[in-house]
Amino acid sequence: VAAAKKVSDVVIVSAHWGDENVSAPTD
């Protein structure tokens, strides 16, 4: 993120996470 902020105005992150077939975010 630190490197990204040096070369861009906006930082977008893709996050592949969570439990399958569960509609509530995990800890």
Full PDB file with SEQRES, HELIX, SHEET, SSBOND, CRYST1, ORIGX, SCALE, CONECT and MASTER records, all heavy atoms in Angstrom:
SEQRES   1 A   27  VAL ALA ALA ALA LYS LYS VAL SER ASP VAL VAL ILE VAL          
SEQRES   2 A   27  SER ALA HIS TRP GLY ASP GLU ASN VAL SER ALA PRO THR          
SEQRES   3 A   27  ASP                                                          
HELIX    1 AA1 ALA A    2  VAL A    7  1                                   6    
CRYST1    1.000    1.000    1.000  90.00  90.00  90.00 P 1           1          
ORIGX1      1.000000  0.000000  0.000000        0.00000                         
ORIGX2      0.000000  1.000000  0.000000        0.00000                         
ORIGX3      0.000000  0.000000  1.000000        0.00000                         
SCALE1      1.000000  0.000000  0.000000        0.00000                         
SCALE2      0.000000  1.000000  0.000000        0.00000                         
SCALE3      0.000000  0.000000  1.000000        0.00000                         
ATOM      1  N   VAL A   1       0.839  -1.206   0.000  1.00  0.00           N  
ATOM      2  CA  VAL A   1       0.000   0.000   0.000  1.00  0.00           C  
ATOM      3  C   VAL A   1       0.872   1.254   0.000  1.00  0.00           C  
ATOM      4  O   VAL A   1       0.585   2.224  -0.714  1.00  0.00           O  
ATOM      5  CB  VAL A   1      -0.964  -0.002   1.204  1.00  0.00           C  
ATOM      6  CG1 VAL A   1      -1.716   1.329   1.283  1.00  0.00           C  
ATOM      7  CG2 VAL A   1      -1.959  -1.157   1.089  1.00  0.00           C  
ATOM      8  N   ALA A   2       1.943   1.238   0.773  1.00  0.00           N  
ATOM      9  CA  ALA A   2       2.857   2.388   0.795  1.00  0.00           C  
ATOM     10  C   ALA A   2       3.438   2.638  -0.590  1.00  0.00           C  
ATOM     11  O   ALA A   2       3.524   3.791  -1.049  1.00  0.00           O  
ATOM     12  CB  ALA A   2       3.968   2.155   1.808  1.00  0.00           C  
ATOM     13  N   ALA A   3       3.839   1.566  -1.269  1.00  0.00           N  
ATOM     14  CA  ALA A   3       4.387   1.703  -2.627  1.00  0.00           C  
ATOM     15  C   ALA A   3       3.322   2.183  -3.600  1.00  0.00           C  
ATOM     16  O   ALA A   3       3.599   3.006  -4.480  1.00  0.00           O  
ATOM     17  CB  ALA A   3       4.957   0.363  -3.083  1.00  0.00           C  
ATOM     18  N   ALA A   4       2.104   1.679  -3.432  1.00  0.00           N  
ATOM     19  CA  ALA A   4       1.008   2.070  -4.320  1.00  0.00           C  
ATOM     20  C   ALA A   4       0.664   3.550  -4.176  1.00  0.00           C  
ATOM     21  O   ALA A   4       0.392   4.238  -5.166  1.00  0.00           O  
ATOM     22  CB  ALA A   4      -0.223   1.208  -4.041  1.00  0.00           C  
ATOM     23  N   LYS A   5       0.681   4.040  -2.953  1.00  0.00           N  
ATOM     24  CA  LYS A   5       0.334   5.443  -2.713  1.00  0.00           C  
ATOM     25  C   LYS A   5       1.360   6.400  -3.315  1.00  0.00           C  
ATOM     26  O   LYS A   5       1.044   7.548  -3.628  1.00  0.00           O  
ATOM     27  CB  LYS A   5       0.165   5.685  -1.218  1.00  0.00           C  
ATOM     28  CG  LYS A   5      -1.039   4.941  -0.631  1.00  0.00           C  
ATOM     29  CD  LYS A   5      -1.140   5.094   0.865  1.00  0.00           C  
ATOM     30  CE  LYS A   5      -1.757   6.409   1.255  1.00  0.00           C  
ATOM     31  NZ  LYS A   5      -2.074   6.467   2.702  1.00  0.00           N  
ATOM     32  N   LYS A   6       2.580   5.915  -3.505  1.00  0.00           N  
ATOM     33  CA  LYS A   6       3.624   6.760  -4.093  1.00  0.00           C  
ATOM     34  C   LYS A   6       3.414   6.973  -5.591  1.00  0.00           C  
ATOM     35  O   LYS A   6       3.885   7.966  -6.146  1.00  0.00           O  
ATOM     36  CB  LYS A   6       4.999   6.136  -3.854  1.00  0.00           C  
ATOM     37  CG  LYS A   6       5.473   6.202  -2.409  1.00  0.00           C  
ATOM     38  CD  LYS A   6       6.844   5.559  -2.260  1.00  0.00           C  
ATOM     39  CE  LYS A   6       7.334   5.621  -0.813  1.00  0.00           C  
ATOM     40  NZ  LYS A   6       8.663   4.968  -0.666  1.00  0.00           N  
ATOM     41  N   VAL A   7       2.723   6.036  -6.236  1.00  0.00           N  
ATOM     42  CA  VAL A   7       2.600   6.104  -7.697  1.00  0.00           C  
ATOM     43  C   VAL A   7       1.166   6.322  -8.167  1.00  0.00           C  
ATOM     44  O   VAL A   7       0.887   6.279  -9.367  1.00  0.00           O  
ATOM     45  CB  VAL A   7       3.163   4.822  -8.351  1.00  0.00           C  
ATOM     46  CG1 VAL A   7       4.650   4.697  -8.086  1.00  0.00           C  
ATOM     47  CG2 VAL A   7       2.416   3.579  -7.874  1.00  0.00           C  
ATOM     48  N   SER A   8       0.238   6.555  -7.230  1.00  0.00           N  
ATOM     49  CA  SER A   8      -1.161   6.709  -7.637  1.00  0.00           C  
ATOM     50  C   SER A   8      -1.897   7.674  -6.720  1.00  0.00           C  
ATOM     51  O   SER A   8      -1.425   8.018  -5.637  1.00  0.00           O  
ATOM     52  CB  SER A   8      -1.873   5.347  -7.628  1.00  0.00           C  
ATOM     53  OG  SER A   8      -1.952   4.832  -6.310  1.00  0.00           O  
ATOM     54  N   ASP A   9      -3.065   8.085  -7.180  1.00  0.00           N  
ATOM     55  CA  ASP A   9      -3.926   8.971  -6.403  1.00  0.00           C  
ATOM     56  C   ASP A   9      -4.965   8.192  -5.602  1.00  0.00           C  
ATOM     57  O   ASP A   9      -5.465   8.666  -4.588  1.00  0.00           O  
ATOM     58  CB  ASP A   9      -4.651   9.942  -7.345  1.00  0.00           C  
ATOM     59  CG  ASP A   9      -3.698  10.700  -8.244  1.00  0.00           C  
ATOM     60  OD1 ASP A   9      -2.857  11.438  -7.714  1.00  0.00           O  
ATOM     61  OD2 ASP A   9      -3.784  10.540  -9.478  1.00  0.00           O  
ATOM     62  N   VAL A  10      -5.301   6.994  -6.088  1.00  0.00           N  
ATOM     63  CA  VAL A  10      -6.336   6.151  -5.480  1.00  0.00           C  
ATOM     64  C   VAL A  10      -5.813   4.727  -5.398  1.00  0.00           C  
ATOM     65  O   VAL A  10      -5.179   4.235  -6.336  1.00  0.00           O  
ATOM     66  CB  VAL A  10      -7.635   6.175  -6.321  1.00  0.00           C  
ATOM     67  CG1 VAL A  10      -8.667   5.199  -5.763  1.00  0.00           C  
ATOM     68  CG2 VAL A  10      -8.212   7.583  -6.385  1.00  0.00           C  
ATOM     69  N   VAL A  11      -6.086   4.056  -4.273  1.00  0.00           N  
ATOM     70  CA  VAL A  11      -5.671   2.660  -4.102  1.00  0.00           C  
ATOM     71  C   VAL A  11      -6.917   1.772  -4.029  1.00  0.00           C  
ATOM     72  O   VAL A  11      -7.779   1.967  -3.173  1.00  0.00           O  
ATOM     73  CB  VAL A  11      -4.817   2.463  -2.836  1.00  0.00           C  
ATOM     74  CG1 VAL A  11      -4.399   0.997  -2.710  1.00  0.00           C  
ATOM     75  CG2 VAL A  11      -3.586   3.361  -2.866  1.00  0.00           C  
ATOM     76  N   ILE A  12      -6.986   0.796  -4.947  1.00  0.00           N  
ATOM     77  CA  ILE A  12      -8.078  -0.175  -4.988  1.00  0.00           C  
ATOM     78  C   ILE A  12      -7.514  -1.541  -4.633  1.00  0.00           C  
ATOM     79  O   ILE A  12      -6.482  -1.952  -5.170  1.00  0.00           O  
ATOM     80  CB  ILE A  12      -8.716  -0.233  -6.392  1.00  0.00           C  
ATOM     81  CG1 ILE A  12      -9.274   1.142  -6.787  1.00  0.00           C  
ATOM     82  CG2 ILE A  12      -9.813  -1.297  -6.447  1.00  0.00           C  
ATOM     83  CD1 ILE A  12      -9.710   1.226  -8.239  1.00  0.00           C  
ATOM     84  N   VAL A  13      -8.185  -2.248  -3.738  1.00  0.00           N  
ATOM     85  CA  VAL A  13      -7.735  -3.583  -3.324  1.00  0.00           C  
ATOM     86  C   VAL A  13      -8.823  -4.606  -3.608  1.00  0.00           C  
ATOM     87  O   VAL A  13      -9.992  -4.384  -3.301  1.00  0.00           O  
ATOM     88  CB  VAL A  13      -7.378  -3.608  -1.820  1.00  0.00           C  
ATOM     89  CG1 VAL A  13      -7.159  -5.046  -1.342  1.00  0.00           C  
ATOM     90  CG2 VAL A  13      -6.135  -2.778  -1.540  1.00  0.00           C  
ATOM     91  N   SER A  14      -8.408  -5.722  -4.190  1.00  0.00           N  
ATOM     92  CA  SER A  14      -9.293  -6.881  -4.318  1.00  0.00           C  
ATOM     93  C   SER A  14      -8.973  -7.843  -3.188  1.00  0.00           C  
ATOM     94  O   SER A  14      -7.810  -8.177  -2.963  1.00  0.00           O  
ATOM     95  CB  SER A  14      -9.083  -7.568  -5.668  1.00  0.00           C  
ATOM     96  OG  SER A  14      -9.784  -8.800  -5.704  1.00  0.00           O  
ATOM     97  N   ALA A  15     -10.022  -8.284  -2.486  1.00  0.00           N  
ATOM     98  CA  ALA A  15      -9.842  -9.165  -1.323  1.00  0.00           C  
ATOM     99  C   ALA A  15     -10.635 -10.451  -1.514  1.00  0.00           C  
ATOM    100  O   ALA A  15     -11.865 -10.434  -1.525  1.00  0.00           O  
ATOM    101  CB  ALA A  15     -10.291  -8.451  -0.051  1.00  0.00           C  
ATOM    102  N   HIS A  16      -9.918 -11.566  -1.662  1.00  0.00           N  
ATOM    103  CA  HIS A  16     -10.560 -12.871  -1.781  1.00  0.00           C  
ATOM    104  C   HIS A  16     -10.561 -13.488  -0.389  1.00  0.00           C  
ATOM    105  O   HIS A  16      -9.542 -14.012   0.081  1.00  0.00           O  
ATOM    106  CB  HIS A  16      -9.797 -13.744  -2.774  1.00  0.00           C  
ATOM    107  CG  HIS A  16     -10.651 -14.790  -3.424  1.00  0.00           C  
ATOM    108  ND1 HIS A  16     -11.539 -14.503  -4.444  1.00  0.00           N  
ATOM    109  CD2 HIS A  16     -10.769 -16.118  -3.192  1.00  0.00           C  
ATOM    110  CE1 HIS A  16     -12.154 -15.600  -4.825  1.00  0.00           C  
ATOM    111  NE2 HIS A  16     -11.722 -16.595  -4.068  1.00  0.00           N  
ATOM    112  N   TRP A  17     -11.722 -13.451   0.281  1.00  0.00           N  
ATOM    113  CA  TRP A  17     -11.776 -13.740   1.709  1.00  0.00           C  
ATOM    114  C   TRP A  17     -13.166 -14.210   2.110  1.00  0.00           C  
ATOM    115  O   TRP A  17     -14.080 -14.275   1.295  1.00  0.00           O  
ATOM    116  CB  TRP A  17     -11.386 -12.493   2.493  1.00  0.00           C  
ATOM    117  CG  TRP A  17     -12.239 -11.251   2.196  1.00  0.00           C  
ATOM    118  CD1 TRP A  17     -13.338 -11.159   1.367  1.00  0.00           C  
ATOM    119  CD2 TRP A  17     -12.044  -9.944   2.720  1.00  0.00           C  
ATOM    120  NE1 TRP A  17     -13.842  -9.874   1.352  1.00  0.00           N  
ATOM    121  CE2 TRP A  17     -13.065  -9.100   2.162  1.00  0.00           C  
ATOM    122  CE3 TRP A  17     -11.128  -9.367   3.584  1.00  0.00           C  
ATOM    123  CZ2 TRP A  17     -13.182  -7.739   2.455  1.00  0.00           C  
ATOM    124  CZ3 TRP A  17     -11.241  -8.010   3.881  1.00  0.00           C  
ATOM    125  CH2 TRP A  17     -12.245  -7.216   3.318  1.00  0.00           C  
ATOM    126  N   GLY A  18     -13.332 -14.548   3.375  1.00  0.00           N  
ATOM    127  CA  GLY A  18     -14.647 -14.903   3.909  1.00  0.00           C  
ATOM    128  C   GLY A  18     -14.944 -16.394   3.843  1.00  0.00           C  
ATOM    129  O   GLY A  18     -14.211 -17.179   3.254  1.00  0.00           O  
ATOM    130  N   ASP A  19     -16.067 -16.772   4.466  1.00  0.00           N  
ATOM    131  CA  ASP A  19     -16.520 -18.164   4.475  1.00  0.00           C  
ATOM    132  C   ASP A  19     -17.540 -18.384   3.371  1.00  0.00           C  
ATOM    133  O   ASP A  19     -18.445 -17.559   3.169  1.00  0.00           O  
ATOM    134  CB  ASP A  19     -17.154 -18.513   5.822  1.00  0.00           C  
ATOM    135  CG  ASP A  19     -16.128 -18.603   6.943  1.00  0.00           C  
ATOM    136  OD1 ASP A  19     -14.921 -18.693   6.632  1.00  0.00           O  
ATOM    137  OD2 ASP A  19     -16.538 -18.568   8.120  1.00  0.00           O  
ATOM    138  N   GLU A  20     -17.418 -19.496   2.679  1.00  0.00           N  
ATOM    139  CA  GLU A  20     -18.340 -19.798   1.589  1.00  0.00           C  
ATOM    140  C   GLU A  20     -19.768 -19.969   2.107  1.00  0.00           C  
ATOM    141  O   GLU A  20     -20.009 -20.576   3.148  1.00  0.00           O  
ATOM    142  CB  GLU A  20     -17.890 -21.055   0.849  1.00  0.00           C  
ATOM    143  CG  GLU A  20     -16.584 -20.863   0.097  1.00  0.00           C  
ATOM    144  CD  GLU A  20     -16.245 -22.043  -0.803  1.00  0.00           C  
ATOM    145  OE1 GLU A  20     -17.048 -22.993  -0.867  1.00  0.00           O  
ATOM    146  OE2 GLU A  20     -15.182 -22.006  -1.444  1.00  0.00           O  
ATOM    147  N   ASN A  21     -20.701 -19.397   1.342  1.00  0.00           N  
ATOM    148  CA  ASN A  21     -22.139 -19.503   1.614  1.00  0.00           C  
ATOM    149  C   ASN A  21     -22.558 -18.890   2.940  1.00  0.00           C  
ATOM    150  O   ASN A  21     -23.596 -19.251   3.503  1.00  0.00           O  
ATOM    151  CB  ASN A  21     -22.592 -20.965   1.539  1.00  0.00           C  
ATOM    152  CG  ASN A  21     -22.369 -21.559   0.164  1.00  0.00           C  
ATOM    153  OD1 ASN A  21     -22.801 -21.006  -0.841  1.00  0.00           O  
ATOM    154  ND2 ASN A  21     -21.666 -22.682   0.112  1.00  0.00           N  
ATOM    155  N   VAL A  22     -21.775 -17.931   3.419  1.00  0.00           N  
ATOM    156  CA  VAL A  22     -22.104 -17.206   4.648  1.00  0.00           C  
ATOM    157  C   VAL A  22     -22.222 -15.727   4.297  1.00  0.00           C  
ATOM    158  O   VAL A  22     -21.297 -15.133   3.749  1.00  0.00           O  
ATOM    159  CB  VAL A  22     -21.029 -17.419   5.734  1.00  0.00           C  
ATOM    160  CG1 VAL A  22     -21.346 -16.576   6.966  1.00  0.00           C  
ATOM    161  CG2 VAL A  22     -20.925 -18.897   6.093  1.00  0.00           C  
ATOM    162  N   SER A  23     -23.348 -15.128   4.654  1.00  0.00           N  
ATOM    163  CA  SER A  23     -23.616 -13.752   4.232  1.00  0.00           C  
ATOM    164  C   SER A  23     -23.053 -12.695   5.179  1.00  0.00           C  
ATOM    165  O   SER A  23     -23.107 -11.503   4.872  1.00  0.00           O  
ATOM    166  CB  SER A  23     -25.129 -13.533   4.071  1.00  0.00           C  
ATOM    167  OG  SER A  23     -25.798 -13.787   5.295  1.00  0.00           O  
ATOM    168  N   ALA A  24     -22.512 -13.106   6.314  1.00  0.00           N  
ATOM    169  CA  ALA A  24     -21.942 -12.158   7.275  1.00  0.00           C  
ATOM    170  C   ALA A  24     -20.414 -12.198   7.194  1.00  0.00           C  
ATOM    171  O   ALA A  24     -19.813 -13.273   7.136  1.00  0.00           O  
ATOM    172  CB  ALA A  24     -22.391 -12.491   8.691  1.00  0.00           C  
ATOM    173  N   PRO A  25     -19.767 -11.035   7.221  1.00  0.00           N  
ATOM    174  CA  PRO A  25     -18.301 -11.006   7.214  1.00  0.00           C  
ATOM    175  C   PRO A  25     -17.722 -11.682   8.448  1.00  0.00           C  
ATOM    176  O   PRO A  25     -18.276 -11.585   9.546  1.00  0.00           O  
ATOM    177  CB  PRO A  25     -17.979  -9.507   7.202  1.00  0.00           C  
ATOM    178  CG  PRO A  25     -19.213  -8.836   6.705  1.00  0.00           C  
ATOM    179  CD  PRO A  25     -20.350  -9.680   7.185  1.00  0.00           C  
ATOM    180  N   THR A  26     -16.596 -12.349   8.268  1.00  0.00           N  
ATOM    181  CA  THR A  26     -15.915 -13.011   9.373  1.00  0.00           C  
ATOM    182  C   THR A  26     -15.019 -12.014  10.115  1.00  0.00           C  
ATOM    183  O   THR A  26     -14.775 -10.901   9.648  1.00  0.00           O  
ATOM    184  CB  THR A  26     -15.040 -14.160   8.856  1.00  0.00           C  
ATOM    185  OG1 THR A  26     -14.013 -13.602   8.007  1.00  0.00           O  
ATOM    186  CG2 THR A  26     -15.866 -15.162   8.062  1.00  0.00           C  
ATOM    187  N   ASP A  27     -14.500 -12.452  11.255  1.00  0.00           N  
ATOM    188  CA  ASP A  27     -13.549 -11.616  11.994  1.00  0.00           C  
ATOM    189  C   ASP A  27     -12.300 -11.352  11.149  1.00  0.00           C  
ATOM    190  O   ASP A  27     -11.716 -10.265  11.227  1.00  0.00           O  
ATOM    191  CB  ASP A  27     -13.153 -12.294  13.303  1.00  0.00           C  
ATOM    192  CG  ASP A  27     -14.296 -12.319  14.314  1.00  0.00           C  
ATOM    193  OD1 ASP A  27     -15.242 -11.512  14.153  1.00  0.00           O  
ATOM    194  OD2 ASP A  27     -14.237 -13.138  15.255  1.00  0.00           O  
TER     195      ASP A  27                                                      
MASTER        0    0    0    1    0    0    0    6  194    1    0    3          
END                                                                             
